[in-house]
Amino acid sequence: MPRQQVTGERNWYALHTYSGYEDSVVFNLKQRIESLGVDDKIFDVIAPKEKKIKIRDGKRTVIEEKIFPGYVLVNMIVTDDSWYVVRNTPNVTGFVGSGTVPTPISGEEWKNIQKRMGVEEPKFKIDFKVSDLVRITDGPFKEYEGKVSEIDEEKGKIKVMVSIFGRETPVEIDSLQVKKL
């Protein structure tokens, strides 16, 4: 009696992995697919990542961050054989689903994941508006407080009016270097 619902359909499934081992699971599973000759049932394995902007040492850097830490996505046709190959890959703790039956990712969910992975340039998300009170958290004006006077969405910069020696002075800084009061 088969343990799986064998539909013969190719779908994306989510695997639980030990956090931090996603890339090694992808590598190991791809090697197992090749060496065990199941590339007619298991087609692709990914640990989805997206680009994000962070400030390091006062400079903007683009980093790749895992979208789902602790998960890997696999495109496959579920059979007892393919299930066994995936399930017995080192650091895979199981499929997402009920019991031993994997639940496929919906088409809509997959499209959303692809969108997040496919973004070429990370967008600036500026959660401020003109006249917001903010505190500068980084750079030469760290700990100064002021009012947002201008927002440049294109460059991800904002102008903050800061009181220096009793005089309102405009300071242009990165939007990631301030927080709302």
Protein backbone atom coordinates (compact mmCIF):
# COMPACT_ATOMS: atom_id res chain seq x y z
CA MET A 1 0.00 0.00 0.00
CA PRO A 2 1.56 3.36 -1.01
CA ARG A 3 2.22 5.85 1.77
CA GLN A 4 1.83 8.81 -0.60
CA GLN A 5 -1.04 10.18 -2.60
CA VAL A 6 0.44 9.46 -6.01
CA THR A 7 -1.20 11.93 -8.38
CA GLY A 8 1.55 11.89 -11.00
CA GLU A 9 1.47 15.69 -10.91
CA ARG A 10 4.57 17.85 -10.76
CA ASN A 11 4.32 20.35 -7.88
CA TRP A 12 6.43 22.47 -5.56
CA TYR A 13 6.68 21.20 -2.00
CA ALA A 14 8.23 22.73 1.12
CA LEU A 15 10.73 20.75 3.20
CA HIS A 16 11.59 21.39 6.83
CA THR A 17 15.37 21.53 7.35
CA TYR A 18 17.62 22.38 10.24
CA SER A 19 18.03 26.16 10.20
CA GLY A 20 21.34 27.19 8.68
CA TYR A 21 21.59 23.99 6.61
CA GLU A 22 19.32 25.07 3.74
CA ASP A 23 22.15 25.48 1.21
CA SER A 24 23.76 22.15 2.14
CA VAL A 25 20.37 20.41 1.82
CA VAL A 26 20.00 21.89 -1.69
CA PHE A 27 23.52 20.72 -2.60
CA ASN A 28 23.12 17.22 -1.08
CA LEU A 29 19.67 16.67 -2.58
CA LYS A 30 20.86 17.70 -6.05
CA GLN A 31 23.74 15.20 -5.76
CA ARG A 32 21.39 12.44 -4.57
CA ILE A 33 18.97 13.13 -7.46
CA GLU A 34 21.84 12.70 -9.92
CA SER A 35 23.50 9.68 -8.30
CA LEU A 36 20.21 7.83 -7.70
CA GLY A 37 18.86 8.67 -11.17
CA VAL A 38 15.54 10.19 -10.06
CA ASP A 39 15.77 13.33 -12.22
CA ASP A 40 12.59 12.16 -13.97
CA LYS A 41 10.68 12.64 -10.66
CA ILE A 42 12.61 15.39 -8.84
CA PHE A 43 13.26 18.40 -11.04
CA ASP A 44 14.52 21.33 -8.97
CA VAL A 45 15.58 22.23 -5.43
CA ILE A 46 15.96 25.79 -4.12
CA ALA A 47 16.44 27.72 -0.89
CA PRO A 48 14.60 30.94 -1.88
CA LYS A 49 16.50 34.18 -1.23
CA GLU A 50 15.72 37.85 -1.73
CA LYS A 51 17.91 40.94 -1.89
CA LYS A 52 17.72 43.44 0.96
CA ILE A 53 19.46 46.70 1.72
CA LYS A 54 21.37 47.00 5.02
CA ILE A 55 23.66 49.68 6.44
CA ARG A 56 27.14 48.42 7.37
CA ASP A 57 29.84 50.83 8.56
CA GLY A 58 27.70 53.75 7.38
CA LYS A 59 27.50 52.34 3.84
CA ARG A 60 24.56 50.83 2.02
CA THR A 61 25.10 47.19 1.08
CA VAL A 62 22.84 44.73 -0.69
CA ILE A 63 22.66 41.34 0.98
CA GLU A 64 20.85 38.13 0.09
CA GLU A 65 18.60 36.89 2.84
CA LYS A 66 16.72 33.60 3.01
CA ILE A 67 12.99 34.15 2.57
CA PHE A 68 12.10 31.07 4.65
CA PRO A 69 14.88 30.13 7.08
CA GLY A 70 14.60 26.42 7.88
CA TYR A 71 12.84 25.54 4.61
CA VAL A 72 13.83 24.36 1.14
CA LEU A 73 11.49 24.08 -1.85
CA VAL A 74 11.54 21.06 -4.14
CA ASN A 75 9.77 20.63 -7.50
CA MET A 76 8.85 16.97 -7.89
CA ILE A 77 6.33 14.27 -8.66
CA VAL A 78 5.63 12.49 -5.37
CA THR A 79 6.05 8.71 -5.51
CA ASP A 80 7.26 6.37 -2.80
CA ASP A 81 10.73 6.42 -4.40
CA SER A 82 11.04 10.19 -4.81
CA TRP A 83 9.59 10.76 -1.31
CA TYR A 84 12.18 8.37 0.14
CA VAL A 85 15.10 10.07 -1.68
CA VAL A 86 14.09 13.52 -0.41
CA ARG A 87 13.09 12.42 3.09
CA ASN A 88 16.42 10.62 3.68
CA THR A 89 18.64 13.50 2.59
CA PRO A 90 20.87 14.68 5.47
CA ASN A 91 19.39 17.59 7.51
CA VAL A 92 15.89 17.22 5.99
CA THR A 93 13.46 16.80 8.88
CA GLY A 94 10.35 16.27 6.77
CA PHE A 95 7.84 17.59 4.28
CA VAL A 96 5.35 20.31 5.13
CA GLY A 97 1.99 18.54 5.18
CA SER A 98 -0.14 16.29 7.31
CA GLY A 99 1.53 13.13 8.55
CA THR A 100 3.71 11.65 5.83
CA VAL A 101 1.67 13.16 2.96
CA PRO A 102 3.36 16.27 1.50
CA THR A 103 1.08 19.24 0.74
CA PRO A 104 1.92 21.05 -2.51
CA ILE A 105 2.46 24.82 -2.53
CA SER A 106 -0.46 26.59 -4.24
CA GLY A 107 0.12 28.28 -7.59
CA GLU A 108 -0.55 31.69 -6.06
CA GLU A 109 1.94 31.10 -3.24
CA TRP A 110 4.56 29.98 -5.77
CA LYS A 111 4.02 33.14 -7.85
CA ASN A 112 4.51 35.31 -4.73
CA ILE A 113 7.75 33.47 -3.86
CA GLN A 114 9.02 33.88 -7.44
CA LYS A 115 8.23 37.61 -7.29
CA ARG A 116 10.21 38.02 -4.07
CA MET A 117 13.15 36.06 -5.48
CA GLY A 118 13.08 37.81 -8.86
CA VAL A 119 13.32 41.40 -7.66
CA GLU A 120 16.52 42.64 -9.30
CA GLU A 121 17.03 45.81 -7.31
CA PRO A 122 15.78 46.03 -3.76
CA LYS A 123 13.29 48.84 -3.35
CA PHE A 124 13.62 51.54 -0.71
CA LYS A 125 10.81 51.34 1.78
CA ILE A 126 10.60 54.74 3.42
CA ASP A 127 8.07 54.63 6.24
CA PHE A 128 8.32 58.35 6.99
CA LYS A 129 6.40 61.39 5.87
CA VAL A 130 7.33 65.06 5.90
CA SER A 131 7.07 66.56 9.43
CA ASP A 132 7.60 63.20 11.25
CA LEU A 133 9.80 63.46 14.35
CA VAL A 134 12.79 61.12 14.07
CA ARG A 135 15.99 60.17 15.89
CA ILE A 136 19.18 59.61 13.90
CA THR A 137 20.58 56.16 14.77
CA ASP A 138 23.86 56.11 12.82
CA GLY A 139 26.56 58.37 11.41
CA PRO A 140 28.02 61.71 12.58
CA PHE A 141 24.63 63.01 13.80
CA LYS A 142 23.82 59.88 15.83
CA GLU A 143 21.33 60.52 18.69
CA TYR A 144 20.23 63.89 17.25
CA GLU A 145 16.49 64.38 16.91
CA GLY A 146 14.73 66.37 14.24
CA LYS A 147 11.83 66.75 11.87
CA VAL A 148 11.70 65.23 8.36
CA SER A 149 11.64 68.08 5.82
CA GLU A 150 12.15 66.20 2.52
CA ILE A 151 12.01 62.62 1.21
CA ASP A 152 13.90 61.33 -1.87
CA GLU A 153 12.32 57.93 -2.64
CA GLU A 154 14.63 57.37 -5.64
CA LYS A 155 17.84 57.52 -3.60
CA GLY A 156 16.40 56.32 -0.29
CA LYS A 157 17.52 59.56 1.40
CA ILE A 158 15.68 61.95 3.69
CA LYS A 159 16.41 65.48 4.90
CA VAL A 160 16.03 66.04 8.62
CA MET A 161 15.98 69.50 10.21
CA VAL A 162 18.30 69.19 13.22
CA SER A 163 18.97 71.86 15.82
CA ILE A 164 22.75 72.49 15.89
CA PHE A 165 23.95 75.33 18.15
CA GLY A 166 20.36 76.57 18.42
CA ARG A 167 19.95 76.79 14.65
CA GLU A 168 17.77 74.56 12.41
CA THR A 169 20.12 72.83 9.96
CA PRO A 170 19.08 70.43 7.16
CA VAL A 171 20.97 67.11 7.29
CA GLU A 172 20.65 64.62 4.41
CA ILE A 173 20.90 61.02 5.58
CA ASP A 174 20.00 57.53 4.51
CA SER A 175 16.45 56.51 5.41
CA LEU A 176 17.87 53.43 7.16
CA GLN A 177 19.79 55.66 9.59
CA VAL A 178 16.73 57.10 11.34
CA LYS A 179 13.80 55.84 13.38
CA LYS A 180 10.49 57.43 14.31
CA LEU A 181 10.07 58.88 17.77
